């Protein structure tokens, strides 16, 4: 079964970038945290997600939520 991808029409990427910056994390640091959780993520892939150029997978969204210690609401708010 293929993992569902979430179309970024609600600013998920921009919210991730804003929260990450607020917490003082660099893209490479967040990507590293995701890799430690078993989510294959490069800095380049994170850049594309933050820009809305790449769909985010459900597992990536869950891992980012956990790494940033935020709620889904914070990531999904318009």
PDB file of N, CA and C in Angstrom:
ATOM      1  N   UNK A   1       0.838  -1.186   0.000  1.00  0.00           N
ATOM      2  CA  UNK A   1       0.000   0.000   0.000  1.00  0.00           C
ATOM      3  C   UNK A   1       0.879   1.245   0.000  1.00  0.00           C
ATOM      4  N   UNK A   2       0.590   2.152  -0.915  1.00  0.00           N
ATOM      5  CA  UNK A   2       1.361   3.392  -1.001  1.00  0.00           C
ATOM      6  C   UNK A   2       0.903   4.371   0.059  1.00  0.00           C
ATOM      7  N   UNK A   3       1.860   5.113   0.564  1.00  0.00           N
ATOM      8  CA  UNK A   3       1.524   6.105   1.585  1.00  0.00           C
ATOM      9  C   UNK A   3       0.845   7.305   0.941  1.00  0.00           C
ATOM     10  N   UNK A   4      -0.162   7.814   1.609  1.00  0.00           N
ATOM     11  CA  UNK A   4      -0.910   8.948   1.095  1.00  0.00           C
ATOM     12  C   UNK A   4      -0.078  10.217   1.173  1.00  0.00           C
ATOM     13  N   UNK A   5      -0.150  10.998   0.103  1.00  0.00           N
ATOM     14  CA  UNK A   5       0.513  12.299   0.072  1.00  0.00           C
ATOM     15  C   UNK A   5      -0.544  13.363   0.281  1.00  0.00           C
ATOM     16  N   UNK A   6      -0.157  14.422   0.948  1.00  0.00           N
ATOM     17  CA  UNK A   6      -1.083  15.496   1.276  1.00  0.00           C
ATOM     18  C   UNK A   6      -0.762  16.696   0.396  1.00  0.00           C
ATOM     19  N   UNK A   7      -1.739  17.117  -0.385  1.00  0.00           N
ATOM     20  CA  UNK A   7      -1.551  18.285  -1.235  1.00  0.00           C
ATOM     21  C   UNK A   7      -1.458  19.527  -0.357  1.00  0.00           C
ATOM     22  N   UNK A   8      -0.475  20.350  -0.652  1.00  0.00           N
ATOM     23  CA  UNK A   8      -0.220  21.512   0.191  1.00  0.00           C
ATOM     24  C   UNK A   8      -0.990  22.738  -0.282  1.00  0.00           C
ATOM     25  N   UNK A   9      -2.284  22.719  -0.118  1.00  0.00           N
ATOM     26  CA  UNK A   9      -3.060  23.894  -0.474  1.00  0.00           C
ATOM     27  C   UNK A   9      -3.420  24.710   0.761  1.00  0.00           C
ATOM     28  N   UNK A  10      -2.898  24.340   1.907  1.00  0.00           N
ATOM     29  CA  UNK A  10      -3.236  25.062   3.146  1.00  0.00           C
ATOM     30  C   UNK A  10      -1.997  25.541   3.892  1.00  0.00           C
ATOM     31  N   UNK A  11      -0.936  25.827   3.164  1.00  0.00           N
ATOM     32  CA  UNK A  11       0.259  26.460   3.742  1.00  0.00           C
ATOM     33  C   UNK A  11       0.998  25.587   4.752  1.00  0.00           C
ATOM     34  N   UNK A  12       0.934  24.283   4.610  1.00  0.00           N
ATOM     35  CA  UNK A  12       1.640  23.413   5.550  1.00  0.00           C
ATOM     36  C   UNK A  12       3.124  23.751   5.563  1.00  0.00           C
ATOM     37  N   UNK A  13       3.713  23.877   4.384  1.00  0.00           N
ATOM     38  CA  UNK A  13       5.146  24.150   4.284  1.00  0.00           C
ATOM     39  C   UNK A  13       5.542  25.454   4.951  1.00  0.00           C
ATOM     40  N   UNK A  14       4.750  26.499   4.711  1.00  0.00           N
ATOM     41  CA  UNK A  14       5.040  27.800   5.328  1.00  0.00           C
ATOM     42  C   UNK A  14       4.921  27.713   6.842  1.00  0.00           C
ATOM     43  N   UNK A  15       3.943  26.947   7.327  1.00  0.00           N
ATOM     44  CA  UNK A  15       3.785  26.781   8.777  1.00  0.00           C
ATOM     45  C   UNK A  15       4.972  26.025   9.363  1.00  0.00           C
ATOM     46  N   UNK A  16       5.425  24.993   8.670  1.00  0.00           N
ATOM     47  CA  UNK A  16       6.595  24.238   9.137  1.00  0.00           C
ATOM     48  C   UNK A  16       7.797  25.165   9.222  1.00  0.00           C
ATOM     49  N   UNK A  17       8.021  25.945   8.167  1.00  0.00           N
ATOM     50  CA  UNK A  17       9.162  26.874   8.142  1.00  0.00           C
ATOM     51  C   UNK A  17       9.082  27.873   9.289  1.00  0.00           C
ATOM     52  N   UNK A  18       7.915  28.468   9.499  1.00  0.00           N
ATOM     53  CA  UNK A  18       7.742  29.467  10.556  1.00  0.00           C
ATOM     54  C   UNK A  18       8.000  28.868  11.934  1.00  0.00           C
ATOM     55  N   UNK A  19       7.433  27.708  12.203  1.00  0.00           N
ATOM     56  CA  UNK A  19       7.617  27.062  13.513  1.00  0.00           C
ATOM     57  C   UNK A  19       9.072  26.663  13.704  1.00  0.00           C
ATOM     58  N   UNK A  20       9.680  26.105  12.646  1.00  0.00           N
ATOM     59  CA  UNK A  20      11.089  25.689  12.726  1.00  0.00           C
ATOM     60  C   UNK A  20      11.979  26.886  13.037  1.00  0.00           C
ATOM     61  N   UNK A  21      11.748  27.988  12.346  1.00  0.00           N
ATOM     62  CA  UNK A  21      12.553  29.193  12.573  1.00  0.00           C
ATOM     63  C   UNK A  21      12.336  29.748  13.981  1.00  0.00           C
ATOM     64  N   UNK A  22      11.072  29.758  14.418  1.00  0.00           N
ATOM     65  CA  UNK A  22      10.757  30.249  15.766  1.00  0.00           C
ATOM     66  C   UNK A  22      11.502  29.450  16.825  1.00  0.00           C
ATOM     67  N   UNK A  23      11.673  28.158  16.572  1.00  0.00           N
ATOM     68  CA  UNK A  23      12.354  27.298  17.532  1.00  0.00           C
ATOM     69  C   UNK A  23      13.878  27.323  17.367  1.00  0.00           C
ATOM     70  N   UNK A  24      14.359  28.081  16.385  1.00  0.00           N
ATOM     71  CA  UNK A  24      15.803  28.220  16.195  1.00  0.00           C
ATOM     72  C   UNK A  24      16.450  27.010  15.549  1.00  0.00           C
ATOM     73  N   UNK A  25      15.675  26.212  14.824  1.00  0.00           N
ATOM     74  CA  UNK A  25      16.222  25.033  14.156  1.00  0.00           C
ATOM     75  C   UNK A  25      16.554  25.355  12.706  1.00  0.00           C
ATOM     76  N   UNK A  26      17.690  24.858  12.249  1.00  0.00           N
ATOM     77  CA  UNK A  26      18.045  24.968  10.840  1.00  0.00           C
ATOM     78  C   UNK A  26      17.418  23.796  10.103  1.00  0.00           C
ATOM     79  N   UNK A  27      17.301  23.940   8.787  1.00  0.00           N
ATOM     80  CA  UNK A  27      16.716  22.863   7.983  1.00  0.00           C
ATOM     81  C   UNK A  27      17.495  21.569   8.133  1.00  0.00           C
ATOM     82  N   UNK A  28      18.813  21.658   8.164  1.00  0.00           N
ATOM     83  CA  UNK A  28      19.619  20.436   8.307  1.00  0.00           C
ATOM     84  C   UNK A  28      19.385  19.776   9.669  1.00  0.00           C
ATOM     85  N   UNK A  29      19.146  20.584  10.685  1.00  0.00           N
ATOM     86  CA  UNK A  29      18.887  20.032  12.020  1.00  0.00           C
ATOM     87  C   UNK A  29      17.545  19.300  12.059  1.00  0.00           C
ATOM     88  N   UNK A  30      16.506  19.900  11.467  1.00  0.00           N
ATOM     89  CA  UNK A  30      15.204  19.241  11.447  1.00  0.00           C
ATOM     90  C   UNK A  30      15.266  17.973  10.605  1.00  0.00           C
ATOM     91  N   UNK A  31      15.923  18.031   9.467  1.00  0.00           N
ATOM     92  CA  UNK A  31      16.066  16.838   8.632  1.00  0.00           C
ATOM     93  C   UNK A  31      16.790  15.733   9.400  1.00  0.00           C
ATOM     94  N   UNK A  32      17.808  16.098  10.163  1.00  0.00           N
ATOM     95  CA  UNK A  32      18.530  15.121  10.982  1.00  0.00           C
ATOM     96  C   UNK A  32      17.653  14.493  12.044  1.00  0.00           C
ATOM     97  N   UNK A  33      16.814  15.298  12.687  1.00  0.00           N
ATOM     98  CA  UNK A  33      15.887  14.771  13.694  1.00  0.00           C
ATOM     99  C   UNK A  33      14.919  13.774  13.063  1.00  0.00           C
ATOM    100  N   UNK A  34      14.455  14.086  11.859  1.00  0.00           N
ATOM    101  CA  UNK A  34      13.537  13.185  11.162  1.00  0.00           C
ATOM    102  C   UNK A  34      14.234  11.880  10.789  1.00  0.00           C
ATOM    103  N   UNK A  35      15.474  11.978  10.353  1.00  0.00           N
ATOM    104  CA  UNK A  35      16.242  10.778  10.009  1.00  0.00           C
ATOM    105  C   UNK A  35      16.430   9.888  11.232  1.00  0.00           C
ATOM    106  N   UNK A  36      16.651  10.488  12.392  1.00  0.00           N
ATOM    107  CA  UNK A  36      16.787   9.698  13.626  1.00  0.00           C
ATOM    108  C   UNK A  36      15.506   8.949  13.952  1.00  0.00           C
ATOM    109  N   UNK A  37      14.369   9.464  13.487  1.00  0.00           N
ATOM    110  CA  UNK A  37      13.069   8.816  13.709  1.00  0.00           C
ATOM    111  C   UNK A  37      12.740   7.814  12.609  1.00  0.00           C
ATOM    112  N   UNK A  38      13.688   7.608  11.691  1.00  0.00           N
ATOM    113  CA  UNK A  38      13.486   6.631  10.624  1.00  0.00           C
ATOM    114  C   UNK A  38      12.774   7.179   9.402  1.00  0.00           C
ATOM    115  N   UNK A  39      12.654   8.499   9.303  1.00  0.00           N
ATOM    116  CA  UNK A  39      12.011   9.129   8.154  1.00  0.00           C
ATOM    117  C   UNK A  39      13.114   9.609   7.211  1.00  0.00           C
ATOM    118  N   UNK A  40      13.214   9.018   6.027  1.00  0.00           N
ATOM    119  CA  UNK A  40      14.256   9.465   5.100  1.00  0.00           C
ATOM    120  C   UNK A  40      13.954  10.876   4.603  1.00  0.00           C
ATOM    121  N   UNK A  41      14.718  11.829   5.073  1.00  0.00           N
ATOM    122  CA  UNK A  41      14.471  13.240   4.723  1.00  0.00           C
ATOM    123  C   UNK A  41      15.816  13.931   4.553  1.00  0.00           C
ATOM    124  N   UNK A  42      15.977  14.570   3.412  1.00  0.00           N
ATOM    125  CA  UNK A  42      17.170  15.381   3.174  1.00  0.00           C
ATOM    126  C   UNK A  42      16.800  16.843   3.369  1.00  0.00           C
ATOM    127  N   UNK A  43      17.798  17.673   3.501  1.00  0.00           N
ATOM    128  CA  UNK A  43      17.561  19.109   3.608  1.00  0.00           C
ATOM    129  C   UNK A  43      16.858  19.596   2.346  1.00  0.00           C
ATOM    130  N   UNK A  44      17.285  19.078   1.191  1.00  0.00           N
ATOM    131  CA  UNK A  44      16.703  19.490  -0.078  1.00  0.00           C
ATOM    132  C   UNK A  44      15.209  19.153  -0.147  1.00  0.00           C
ATOM    133  N   UNK A  45      14.829  17.981   0.349  1.00  0.00           N
ATOM    134  CA  UNK A  45      13.415  17.595   0.364  1.00  0.00           C
ATOM    135  C   UNK A  45      12.633  18.502   1.311  1.00  0.00           C
ATOM    136  N   UNK A  46      13.226  18.843   2.454  1.00  0.00           N
ATOM    137  CA  UNK A  46      12.564  19.731   3.406  1.00  0.00           C
ATOM    138  C   UNK A  46      12.362  21.116   2.793  1.00  0.00           C
ATOM    139  N   UNK A  47      13.358  21.600   2.053  1.00  0.00           N
ATOM    140  CA  UNK A  47      13.234  22.896   1.368  1.00  0.00           C
ATOM    141  C   UNK A  47      12.036  22.864   0.421  1.00  0.00           C
ATOM    142  N   UNK A  48      11.899  21.794  -0.352  1.00  0.00           N
ATOM    143  CA  UNK A  48      10.787  21.682  -1.298  1.00  0.00           C
ATOM    144  C   UNK A  48       9.448  21.629  -0.572  1.00  0.00           C
ATOM    145  N   UNK A  49       9.392  20.927   0.543  1.00  0.00           N
ATOM    146  CA  UNK A  49       8.156  20.853   1.328  1.00  0.00           C
ATOM    147  C   UNK A  49       7.805  22.240   1.866  1.00  0.00           C
ATOM    148  N   UNK A  50       8.790  22.938   2.423  1.00  0.00           N
ATOM    149  CA  UNK A  50       8.537  24.263   2.984  1.00  0.00           C
ATOM    150  C   UNK A  50       8.096  25.258   1.919  1.00  0.00           C
ATOM    151  N   UNK A  51       8.565  25.101   0.709  1.00  0.00           N
ATOM    152  CA  UNK A  51       8.185  25.997  -0.386  1.00  0.00           C
ATOM    153  C   UNK A  51       6.872  25.589  -1.041  1.00  0.00           C
ATOM    154  N   UNK A  52       6.362  24.415  -0.689  1.00  0.00           N
ATOM    155  CA  UNK A  52       5.133  23.926  -1.294  1.00  0.00           C
ATOM    156  C   UNK A  52       5.339  23.301  -2.655  1.00  0.00           C
ATOM    157  N   UNK A  53       6.597  23.021  -3.000  1.00  0.00           N
ATOM    158  CA  UNK A  53       6.924  22.444  -4.304  1.00  0.00           C
ATOM    159  C   UNK A  53       6.857  20.924  -4.290  1.00  0.00           C
ATOM    160  N   UNK A  54       6.726  20.339  -3.123  1.00  0.00           N
ATOM    161  CA  UNK A  54       6.671  18.881  -2.994  1.00  0.00           C
ATOM    162  C   UNK A  54       5.574  18.521  -2.005  1.00  0.00           C
ATOM    163  N   UNK A  55       4.778  17.524  -2.374  1.00  0.00           N
ATOM    164  CA  UNK A  55       3.745  17.049  -1.461  1.00  0.00           C
ATOM    165  C   UNK A  55       4.412  16.406  -0.251  1.00  0.00           C
ATOM    166  N   UNK A  56       3.760  16.499   0.890  1.00  0.00           N
ATOM    167  CA  UNK A  56       4.286  15.906   2.113  1.00  0.00           C
ATOM    168  C   UNK A  56       3.539  14.598   2.372  1.00  0.00           C
ATOM    169  N   UNK A  57       4.270  13.585   2.758  1.00  0.00           N
ATOM    170  CA  UNK A  57       3.655  12.298   3.085  1.00  0.00           C
ATOM    171  C   UNK A  57       3.131  12.352   4.508  1.00  0.00           C
ATOM    172  N   UNK A  58       2.124  11.543   4.771  1.00  0.00           N
ATOM    173  CA  UNK A  58       1.511  11.515   6.102  1.00  0.00           C
ATOM    174  C   UNK A  58       2.549  11.185   7.172  1.00  0.00           C
ATOM    175  N   UNK A  59       3.455  10.249   6.888  1.00  0.00           N
ATOM    176  CA  UNK A  59       4.484   9.880   7.881  1.00  0.00           C
ATOM    177  C   UNK A  59       5.445  11.039   8.127  1.00  0.00           C
ATOM    178  N   UNK A  60       5.745  11.810   7.083  1.00  0.00           N
ATOM    179  CA  UNK A  60       6.617  12.971   7.240  1.00  0.00           C
ATOM    180  C   UNK A  60       5.941  14.033   8.094  1.00  0.00           C
ATOM    181  N   UNK A  61       4.660  14.267   7.837  1.00  0.00           N
ATOM    182  CA  UNK A  61       3.917  15.256   8.618  1.00  0.00           C
ATOM    183  C   UNK A  61       3.882  14.863  10.089  1.00  0.00           C
ATOM    184  N   UNK A  62       3.621  13.594  10.361  1.00  0.00           N
ATOM    185  CA  UNK A  62       3.586  13.097  11.745  1.00  0.00           C
ATOM    186  C   UNK A  62       4.956  13.268  12.415  1.00  0.00           C
ATOM    187  N   UNK A  63       6.023  12.924  11.696  1.00  0.00           N
ATOM    188  CA  UNK A  63       7.368  13.038  12.260  1.00  0.00           C
ATOM    189  C   UNK A  63       7.756  14.497  12.503  1.00  0.00           C
ATOM    190  N   UNK A  64       7.379  15.383  11.594  1.00  0.00           N
ATOM    191  CA  UNK A  64       7.670  16.811  11.770  1.00  0.00           C
ATOM    192  C   UNK A  64       6.897  17.344  12.964  1.00  0.00           C
ATOM    193  N   UNK A  65       5.641  16.953  13.087  1.00  0.00           N
ATOM    194  CA  UNK A  65       4.822  17.360  14.240  1.00  0.00           C
ATOM    195  C   UNK A  65       5.511  16.949  15.536  1.00  0.00           C
ATOM    196  N   UNK A  66       5.995  15.717  15.587  1.00  0.00           N
ATOM    197  CA  UNK A  66       6.653  15.221  16.794  1.00  0.00           C
ATOM    198  C   UNK A  66       7.990  15.917  17.035  1.00  0.00           C
ATOM    199  N   UNK A  67       8.776  16.105  15.979  1.00  0.00           N
ATOM    200  CA  UNK A  67      10.096  16.730  16.122  1.00  0.00           C
ATOM    201  C   UNK A  67       9.977  18.181  16.592  1.00  0.00           C
ATOM    202  N   UNK A  68       8.951  18.882  16.101  1.00  0.00           N
ATOM    203  CA  UNK A  68       8.754  20.284  16.489  1.00  0.00           C
ATOM    204  C   UNK A  68       7.911  20.422  17.750  1.00  0.00           C
ATOM    205  N   UNK A  69       7.367  19.291  18.221  1.00  0.00           N
ATOM    206  CA  UNK A  69       6.551  19.262  19.433  1.00  0.00           C
ATOM    207  C   UNK A  69       5.383  20.246  19.341  1.00  0.00           C
ATOM    208  N   UNK A  70       4.631  20.121  18.241  1.00  0.00           N
ATOM    209  CA  UNK A  70       3.462  20.969  18.007  1.00  0.00           C
ATOM    210  C   UNK A  70       2.269  20.090  17.677  1.00  0.00           C
ATOM    211  N   UNK A  71       1.101  20.696  17.597  1.00  0.00           N
ATOM    212  CA  UNK A  71      -0.122  19.972  17.259  1.00  0.00           C
ATOM    213  C   UNK A  71      -0.328  19.992  15.738  1.00  0.00           C
ATOM    214  N   UNK A  72      -1.177  19.095  15.266  1.00  0.00           N
ATOM    215  CA  UNK A  72      -1.546  19.124  13.854  1.00  0.00           C
ATOM    216  C   UNK A  72      -2.213  20.451  13.512  1.00  0.00           C
ATOM    217  N   UNK A  73      -2.999  20.967  14.441  1.00  0.00           N
ATOM    218  CA  UNK A  73      -3.673  22.250  14.201  1.00  0.00           C
ATOM    219  C   UNK A  73      -2.674  23.352  13.868  1.00  0.00           C
ATOM    220  N   UNK A  74      -1.556  23.379  14.592  1.00  0.00           N
ATOM    221  CA  UNK A  74      -0.540  24.409  14.335  1.00  0.00           C
ATOM    222  C   UNK A  74       0.066  24.248  12.950  1.00  0.00           C
ATOM    223  N   UNK A  75       0.240  23.007  12.509  1.00  0.00           N
ATOM    224  CA  UNK A  75       0.825  22.766  11.193  1.00  0.00           C
ATOM    225  C   UNK A  75      -0.167  23.020  10.064  1.00  0.00           C
ATOM    226  N   UNK A  76      -1.429  22.814  10.321  1.00  0.00           N
ATOM    227  CA  UNK A  76      -2.437  22.876   9.262  1.00  0.00           C
ATOM    228  C   UNK A  76      -3.216  24.170   9.207  1.00  0.00           C
ATOM    229  N   UNK A  77      -3.019  25.065  10.178  1.00  0.00           N
ATOM    230  CA  UNK A  77      -3.831  26.290  10.169  1.00  0.00           C
ATOM    231  C   UNK A  77      -3.505  27.141   8.954  1.00  0.00           C
ATOM    232  N   UNK A  78      -4.533  27.754   8.368  1.00  0.00           N
ATOM    233  CA  UNK A  78      -4.337  28.564   7.155  1.00  0.00           C
ATOM    234  C   UNK A  78      -3.571  29.839   7.422  1.00  0.00           C
TER     235      UNK A  78
END
